[in-house]
Amino acid sequence: MAREGFNNAAVNRLYYACYYAVSALLLSQKVQSHTHAGTKTMFALHIISPGKMPIEIASVYFTLFEKRHTGDYDDFVLFQDSTVQELTKQAITFIESVGNLLPKNNLT
């Protein structure tokens, strides 16, 4: 989407990639949430507060939460290419960090 200039849609997809990663992580720890705000709160409570992930890495999820809402619902908001590129790098690091916290499946 970003390559074709759909930057707001790209930010939306970055948010959802991180959201689903967080959802998987919370479910792996038997923590449920039924809303986006609830997922954000449970992530902070069960992952960040106990120090399982540094806030410097986790902050991209909170940033994307806000930017997705802004891009989807506010008028005249168009994200710049440089913003999307930076958020993409941060989202990749974030998702990799979440993946490192997920239990390893020992299927053989």
C-alpha atoms as a PDB file:
ATOM      1  CA  MET A   1       0.000   0.000   0.000  1.00  0.00           C
ATOM      2  CA  ALA A   2       2.798   2.385   0.854  1.00  0.00           C
ATOM      3  CA  ARG A   3       4.558   1.653  -2.427  1.00  0.00           C
ATOM      4  CA  GLU A   4       1.439   2.771  -4.284  1.00  0.00           C
ATOM      5  CA  GLY A   5       0.992   5.895  -2.148  1.00  0.00           C
ATOM      6  CA  PHE A   6      -1.847   4.703   0.080  1.00  0.00           C
ATOM      7  CA  ASN A   7      -0.092   5.836   3.240  1.00  0.00           C
ATOM      8  CA  ASN A   8      -3.132   6.031   5.510  1.00  0.00           C
ATOM      9  CA  ALA A   9      -4.101   2.499   4.527  1.00  0.00           C
ATOM     10  CA  ALA A  10      -0.504   1.383   5.111  1.00  0.00           C
ATOM     11  CA  VAL A  11      -0.582   2.809   8.653  1.00  0.00           C
ATOM     12  CA  ASN A  12      -3.896   1.027   9.202  1.00  0.00           C
ATOM     13  CA  ARG A  13      -2.351  -2.290   8.125  1.00  0.00           C
ATOM     14  CA  LEU A  14       0.742  -1.721  10.274  1.00  0.00           C
ATOM     15  CA  TYR A  15      -1.496  -1.173  13.275  1.00  0.00           C
ATOM     16  CA  TYR A  16      -3.485  -4.333  12.604  1.00  0.00           C
ATOM     17  CA  ALA A  17      -0.322  -6.407  12.136  1.00  0.00           C
ATOM     18  CA  CYS A  18       0.832  -5.259  15.579  1.00  0.00           C
ATOM     19  CA  TYR A  19      -2.647  -5.632  17.069  1.00  0.00           C
ATOM     20  CA  TYR A  20      -2.910  -9.267  15.967  1.00  0.00           C
ATOM     21  CA  ALA A  21       0.609  -9.973  17.249  1.00  0.00           C
ATOM     22  CA  VAL A  22      -0.351  -8.523  20.647  1.00  0.00           C
ATOM     23  CA  SER A  23      -3.619 -10.465  20.620  1.00  0.00           C
ATOM     24  CA  ALA A  24      -1.726 -13.714  19.994  1.00  0.00           C
ATOM     25  CA  LEU A  25       0.722 -12.912  22.772  1.00  0.00           C
ATOM     26  CA  LEU A  26      -2.036 -12.137  25.262  1.00  0.00           C
ATOM     27  CA  LEU A  27      -3.959 -15.276  24.314  1.00  0.00           C
ATOM     28  CA  SER A  28      -0.796 -17.348  24.802  1.00  0.00           C
ATOM     29  CA  GLN A  29      -0.834 -16.061  28.379  1.00  0.00           C
ATOM     30  CA  LYS A  30      -4.552 -16.736  28.786  1.00  0.00           C
ATOM     31  CA  VAL A  31      -5.397 -13.010  28.825  1.00  0.00           C
ATOM     32  CA  GLN A  32      -8.474 -11.984  26.872  1.00  0.00           C
ATOM     33  CA  SER A  33      -9.757  -8.664  25.659  1.00  0.00           C
ATOM     34  CA  HIS A  34     -12.759  -7.777  23.541  1.00  0.00           C
ATOM     35  CA  THR A  35     -11.837  -4.288  22.356  1.00  0.00           C
ATOM     36  CA  HIS A  36      -8.847  -2.529  20.853  1.00  0.00           C
ATOM     37  CA  ALA A  37      -8.547  -0.275  23.910  1.00  0.00           C
ATOM     38  CA  GLY A  38      -8.814  -3.311  26.171  1.00  0.00           C
ATOM     39  CA  THR A  39      -6.071  -5.088  24.259  1.00  0.00           C
ATOM     40  CA  LYS A  40      -3.856  -2.030  24.629  1.00  0.00           C
ATOM     41  CA  THR A  41      -4.555  -1.922  28.377  1.00  0.00           C
ATOM     42  CA  MET A  42      -3.952  -5.656  28.871  1.00  0.00           C
ATOM     43  CA  PHE A  43      -0.713  -5.419  26.876  1.00  0.00           C
ATOM     44  CA  ALA A  44       0.524  -2.662  29.165  1.00  0.00           C
ATOM     45  CA  LEU A  45      -0.582  -4.520  32.293  1.00  0.00           C
ATOM     46  CA  HIS A  46       0.669  -8.016  31.437  1.00  0.00           C
ATOM     47  CA  ILE A  47       3.651  -7.373  29.163  1.00  0.00           C
ATOM     48  CA  ILE A  48       5.112  -3.918  29.725  1.00  0.00           C
ATOM     49  CA  SER A  49       4.550  -3.476  33.470  1.00  0.00           C
ATOM     50  CA  PRO A  50       6.254  -6.759  34.410  1.00  0.00           C
ATOM     51  CA  GLY A  51       9.192  -5.822  32.150  1.00  0.00           C
ATOM     52  CA  LYS A  52       8.679  -8.484  29.501  1.00  0.00           C
ATOM     53  CA  MET A  53       9.131  -5.874  26.764  1.00  0.00           C
ATOM     54  CA  PRO A  54      10.872  -2.508  27.001  1.00  0.00           C
ATOM     55  CA  ILE A  55       8.612   0.506  26.571  1.00  0.00           C
ATOM     56  CA  GLU A  56      10.948   1.772  23.832  1.00  0.00           C
ATOM     57  CA  ILE A  57       9.910  -1.147  21.639  1.00  0.00           C
ATOM     58  CA  ALA A  58       6.316  -1.379  22.851  1.00  0.00           C
ATOM     59  CA  SER A  59       5.634   2.300  22.222  1.00  0.00           C
ATOM     60  CA  VAL A  60       5.205   1.740  18.486  1.00  0.00           C
ATOM     61  CA  TYR A  61       2.007  -0.197  19.217  1.00  0.00           C
ATOM     62  CA  PHE A  62       0.593   2.778  21.115  1.00  0.00           C
ATOM     63  CA  THR A  63       1.744   5.168  18.396  1.00  0.00           C
ATOM     64  CA  LEU A  64       0.103   3.065  15.688  1.00  0.00           C
ATOM     65  CA  PHE A  65      -3.077   2.792  17.762  1.00  0.00           C
ATOM     66  CA  GLU A  66      -3.388   6.591  17.730  1.00  0.00           C
ATOM     67  CA  LYS A  67      -2.226   7.110  14.146  1.00  0.00           C
ATOM     68  CA  ARG A  68      -4.590   4.454  12.813  1.00  0.00           C
ATOM     69  CA  HIS A  69      -7.503   6.180  14.493  1.00  0.00           C
ATOM     70  CA  THR A  70      -6.386   9.587  13.236  1.00  0.00           C
ATOM     71  CA  GLY A  71      -5.811   8.358   9.695  1.00  0.00           C
ATOM     72  CA  ASP A  72      -9.102   6.490   9.535  1.00  0.00           C
ATOM     73  CA  TYR A  73     -11.415   9.023  11.139  1.00  0.00           C
ATOM     74  CA  ASP A  74      -9.968  12.537  11.066  1.00  0.00           C
ATOM     75  CA  ASP A  75     -10.406  14.764   8.029  1.00  0.00           C
ATOM     76  CA  PHE A  76      -7.488  15.933   5.905  1.00  0.00           C
ATOM     77  CA  VAL A  77      -4.883  13.658   7.470  1.00  0.00           C
ATOM     78  CA  LEU A  78      -2.379  12.248   5.006  1.00  0.00           C
ATOM     79  CA  PHE A  79       0.696  10.494   6.354  1.00  0.00           C
ATOM     80  CA  GLN A  80       4.008  11.294   4.683  1.00  0.00           C
ATOM     81  CA  ASP A  81       6.134   8.609   3.022  1.00  0.00           C
ATOM     82  CA  SER A  82       8.897   9.139   5.586  1.00  0.00           C
ATOM     83  CA  THR A  83       6.456   8.567   8.459  1.00  0.00           C
ATOM     84  CA  VAL A  84       5.236   5.302   6.961  1.00  0.00           C
ATOM     85  CA  GLN A  85       8.791   4.135   6.296  1.00  0.00           C
ATOM     86  CA  GLU A  86       9.834   4.803   9.892  1.00  0.00           C
ATOM     87  CA  LEU A  87       6.688   3.200  11.322  1.00  0.00           C
ATOM     88  CA  THR A  88       7.265   0.154   9.127  1.00  0.00           C
ATOM     89  CA  LYS A  89      10.767  -0.332  10.543  1.00  0.00           C
ATOM     90  CA  GLN A  90       9.486   0.082  14.083  1.00  0.00           C
ATOM     91  CA  ALA A  91       6.543  -2.287  13.496  1.00  0.00           C
ATOM     92  CA  ILE A  92       8.879  -4.987  12.176  1.00  0.00           C
ATOM     93  CA  THR A  93      11.059  -4.690  15.288  1.00  0.00           C
ATOM     94  CA  PHE A  94       7.956  -4.756  17.478  1.00  0.00           C
ATOM     95  CA  ILE A  95       6.479  -7.862  15.824  1.00  0.00           C
ATOM     96  CA  GLU A  96       9.826  -9.656  16.053  1.00  0.00           C
ATOM     97  CA  SER A  97       9.964  -8.799  19.766  1.00  0.00           C
ATOM     98  CA  VAL A  98       6.440 -10.122  20.274  1.00  0.00           C
ATOM     99  CA  GLY A  99       7.418 -13.291  18.417  1.00  0.00           C
ATOM    100  CA  ASN A 100      10.319 -13.786  20.814  1.00  0.00           C
ATOM    101  CA  LEU A 101       7.858 -13.737  23.727  1.00  0.00           C
ATOM    102  CA  LEU A 102       5.497 -16.298  22.211  1.00  0.00           C
ATOM    103  CA  PRO A 103       5.906 -19.863  23.420  1.00  0.00           C
ATOM    104  CA  LYS A 104       7.720 -22.069  20.973  1.00  0.00           C
ATOM    105  CA  ASN A 105       5.654 -24.853  19.464  1.00  0.00           C
ATOM    106  CA  ASN A 106       7.541 -28.137  19.629  1.00  0.00           C
ATOM    107  CA  LEU A 107       5.842 -29.880  16.732  1.00  0.00           C
ATOM    108  CA  THR A 108       8.070 -32.561  15.297  1.00  0.00           C
END
